Protein backbone atom coordinates (compact mmCIF):
# COMPACT_ATOMS: atom_id res chain seq x y z
CA MET A 1 11.66 -41.52 57.99
CA ARG A 2 10.76 -38.73 55.56
CA VAL A 3 12.98 -35.63 55.54
CA LEU A 4 12.58 -32.33 53.73
CA GLY A 5 15.93 -30.78 52.91
CA VAL A 6 16.01 -27.05 52.22
CA ASP A 7 18.66 -24.81 50.67
CA PRO A 8 17.39 -21.37 51.67
CA GLY A 9 17.88 -18.49 49.28
CA LEU A 10 15.88 -15.37 48.57
CA ALA A 11 15.90 -15.73 44.77
CA ALA A 12 15.69 -19.54 44.79
CA THR A 13 15.00 -21.84 47.72
CA GLY A 14 15.81 -25.42 46.83
CA TYR A 15 13.90 -28.28 48.41
CA GLY A 16 14.18 -32.03 48.31
CA VAL A 17 12.14 -34.74 50.00
CA VAL A 18 13.78 -38.09 50.69
CA GLU A 19 12.55 -41.14 52.54
CA TYR A 20 14.53 -43.77 54.39
CA ASP A 21 12.69 -47.04 54.85
CA ALA A 22 13.77 -50.66 55.16
CA GLY A 23 17.42 -49.78 54.60
CA ARG A 24 16.78 -47.83 51.38
CA ILE A 25 16.85 -44.12 50.58
CA ARG A 26 14.34 -42.94 48.02
CA LEU A 27 13.90 -39.59 46.28
CA ILE A 28 10.31 -38.41 46.63
CA GLU A 29 10.42 -34.89 45.17
CA GLY A 30 12.83 -32.06 44.46
CA GLY A 31 12.48 -28.57 43.14
CA VAL A 32 12.93 -24.85 43.61
CA ILE A 33 10.70 -22.15 45.01
CA ARG A 34 11.46 -18.84 43.31
CA SER A 35 10.58 -15.33 44.37
CA ASN A 36 10.26 -12.41 42.00
CA PRO A 37 13.27 -10.09 42.35
CA ASP A 38 11.05 -7.13 41.40
CA ASP A 39 8.65 -7.76 44.32
CA LEU A 40 8.80 -6.09 47.69
CA MET A 41 10.78 -7.99 50.33
CA GLU A 42 7.65 -9.02 52.23
CA ASN A 43 6.19 -10.54 49.06
CA ARG A 44 9.41 -12.43 48.30
CA VAL A 45 9.59 -13.85 51.82
CA GLY A 46 5.86 -14.62 51.61
CA SER A 47 6.42 -16.57 48.38
CA ILE A 48 9.06 -18.72 50.05
CA PHE A 49 6.87 -19.26 53.10
CA SER A 50 3.86 -20.26 50.97
CA GLY A 51 5.94 -22.57 48.79
CA ILE A 52 7.56 -24.37 51.72
CA LEU A 53 4.22 -24.64 53.51
CA GLU A 54 2.76 -26.24 50.38
CA VAL A 55 5.63 -28.76 50.24
CA LEU A 56 5.22 -29.51 53.97
CA ASN A 57 1.48 -30.04 53.57
CA GLU A 58 1.83 -32.25 50.50
CA PHE A 59 4.69 -34.50 51.60
CA GLN A 60 4.34 -34.36 55.41
CA PRO A 61 8.00 -34.87 56.33
CA GLU A 62 8.91 -35.76 59.88
CA LEU A 63 11.72 -33.22 59.89
CA VAL A 64 13.20 -30.29 57.95
CA ALA A 65 16.99 -30.24 57.50
CA MET A 66 18.72 -27.14 56.19
CA GLU A 67 22.01 -25.36 56.00
CA ASP A 68 23.05 -23.14 58.91
CA LEU A 69 23.30 -19.43 58.34
CA TYR A 70 26.78 -18.58 57.12
CA SER A 71 28.46 -15.72 55.39
CA HIS A 72 32.01 -14.69 54.70
CA TYR A 73 32.98 -11.53 56.54
CA LYS A 74 33.56 -9.81 53.19
CA HIS A 75 29.92 -10.43 52.18
CA PRO A 76 27.63 -9.82 55.19
CA ARG A 77 24.70 -9.03 52.88
CA THR A 78 24.64 -12.70 51.85
CA ALA A 79 23.87 -13.73 55.44
CA ILE A 80 21.11 -11.15 55.73
CA ILE A 81 19.46 -12.26 52.49
CA MET A 82 19.76 -15.94 53.45
CA ALA A 83 18.31 -15.14 56.88
CA HIS A 84 15.10 -13.87 55.27
CA ALA A 85 14.64 -17.17 53.44
CA ARG A 86 15.57 -19.24 56.52
CA GLY A 87 13.04 -17.29 58.56
CA ALA A 88 10.28 -18.10 56.07
CA VAL A 89 11.19 -21.80 56.24
CA LEU A 90 11.34 -21.77 60.05
CA VAL A 91 7.92 -20.14 60.38
CA ALA A 92 6.36 -22.57 57.88
CA ALA A 93 7.85 -25.54 59.75
CA HIS A 94 6.67 -24.10 63.08
CA GLN A 95 3.16 -23.62 61.72
CA ARG A 96 3.08 -27.30 60.66
CA GLY A 97 4.71 -28.50 63.88
CA THR A 98 7.66 -29.95 61.98
CA PRO A 99 11.02 -29.90 63.79
CA VAL A 100 14.01 -28.30 62.06
CA ARG A 101 17.68 -29.28 62.26
CA SER A 102 20.41 -27.06 60.87
CA TYR A 103 23.79 -28.24 59.67
CA ALA A 104 26.93 -26.33 58.75
CA ALA A 105 27.69 -26.41 55.03
CA THR A 106 30.99 -28.13 55.82
CA MET A 107 29.18 -30.85 57.78
CA ILE A 108 26.76 -31.47 54.91
CA LYS A 109 29.65 -31.79 52.46
CA MET A 110 31.59 -34.01 54.86
CA ALA A 111 28.62 -36.32 55.36
CA LEU A 112 28.27 -36.88 51.63
CA THR A 113 31.79 -36.69 50.24
CA GLY A 114 34.14 -37.10 53.18
CA ASN A 115 35.46 -33.60 52.43
CA GLY A 116 34.03 -30.53 54.16
CA ARG A 117 35.33 -28.31 51.36
CA ALA A 118 33.95 -30.37 48.46
CA ARG A 119 32.88 -28.58 45.29
CA LYS A 120 29.23 -28.48 44.20
CA GLU A 121 29.94 -31.00 41.44
CA GLN A 122 31.29 -33.51 43.99
CA VAL A 123 28.26 -33.05 46.22
CA GLN A 124 25.96 -33.47 43.24
CA ARG A 125 27.66 -36.74 42.23
CA MET A 126 27.28 -38.15 45.75
CA VAL A 127 23.63 -37.07 45.97
CA LEU A 128 22.96 -38.88 42.69
CA ALA A 129 24.83 -41.97 43.91
CA GLN A 130 23.04 -42.08 47.27
CA LEU A 131 19.65 -41.69 45.64
CA GLY A 132 20.39 -44.03 42.73
CA VAL A 133 19.50 -41.31 40.24
CA LYS A 134 21.19 -41.28 36.84
CA THR A 135 20.18 -37.82 35.58
CA PRO A 136 21.75 -34.84 37.39
CA VAL A 137 19.37 -33.02 39.69
CA GLU A 138 19.25 -29.38 38.59
CA PRO A 139 19.73 -26.67 39.71
CA TYR A 140 22.32 -26.85 42.47
CA ASP A 141 19.73 -25.36 44.85
CA THR A 142 17.83 -28.64 44.65
CA THR A 143 20.99 -30.73 44.93
CA ASP A 144 22.07 -28.78 48.02
CA ALA A 145 18.64 -29.27 49.60
CA LEU A 146 18.82 -33.02 48.98
CA ALA A 147 22.34 -33.01 50.44
CA ALA A 148 21.00 -31.43 53.65
CA ALA A 149 18.33 -34.13 53.92
CA LEU A 150 20.87 -36.89 53.30
CA CYS A 151 23.22 -35.34 55.87
CA HIS A 152 20.46 -35.55 58.47
CA LEU A 153 19.88 -39.21 57.68
CA ASN A 154 23.60 -39.81 58.00
CA GLN A 155 23.77 -38.02 61.34
CA THR A 156 20.77 -39.76 62.85
CA MET A 157 20.64 -43.15 61.14
CA LYS A 158 24.20 -43.60 59.86
CA VAL A 159 22.92 -44.68 56.46
CA LEU A 160 25.48 -43.03 54.18
CA VAL A 161 28.97 -44.06 53.37
CA ALA A 162 31.15 -41.20 52.14
């Protein structure tokens, strides 16, 4: 099973493609799609859409896994900005006919570390361990995207041990 994990953000949308086959998890690709902060909103959202569509076309995942929309009540603008990026990802996945599953940030962290409130460094260490990668995956946008993909594999195939 090939899964595209996405960490949606307007400035930087992280992505990571992993594959589970014959009892092994393998990193296929990871990176970040950036939009220009000086561009109009429609151009920024369009950049994310085009970038995700390119990743979907190249790697042909069976599913997209990404973080649910969340924002602290003190920062509602964060949710609105994230929603723009999520919308671009959802439309790209719809256009390709690729199903999408969303997971709460706490569930993603729990699936990887056993702690729903784990710090980014803890999540990164577990992503590296699960993928057998020695060099840290940078930036955290990519790590978080890979974590979403690994969470999906854990939820559906029970392949991870926190």
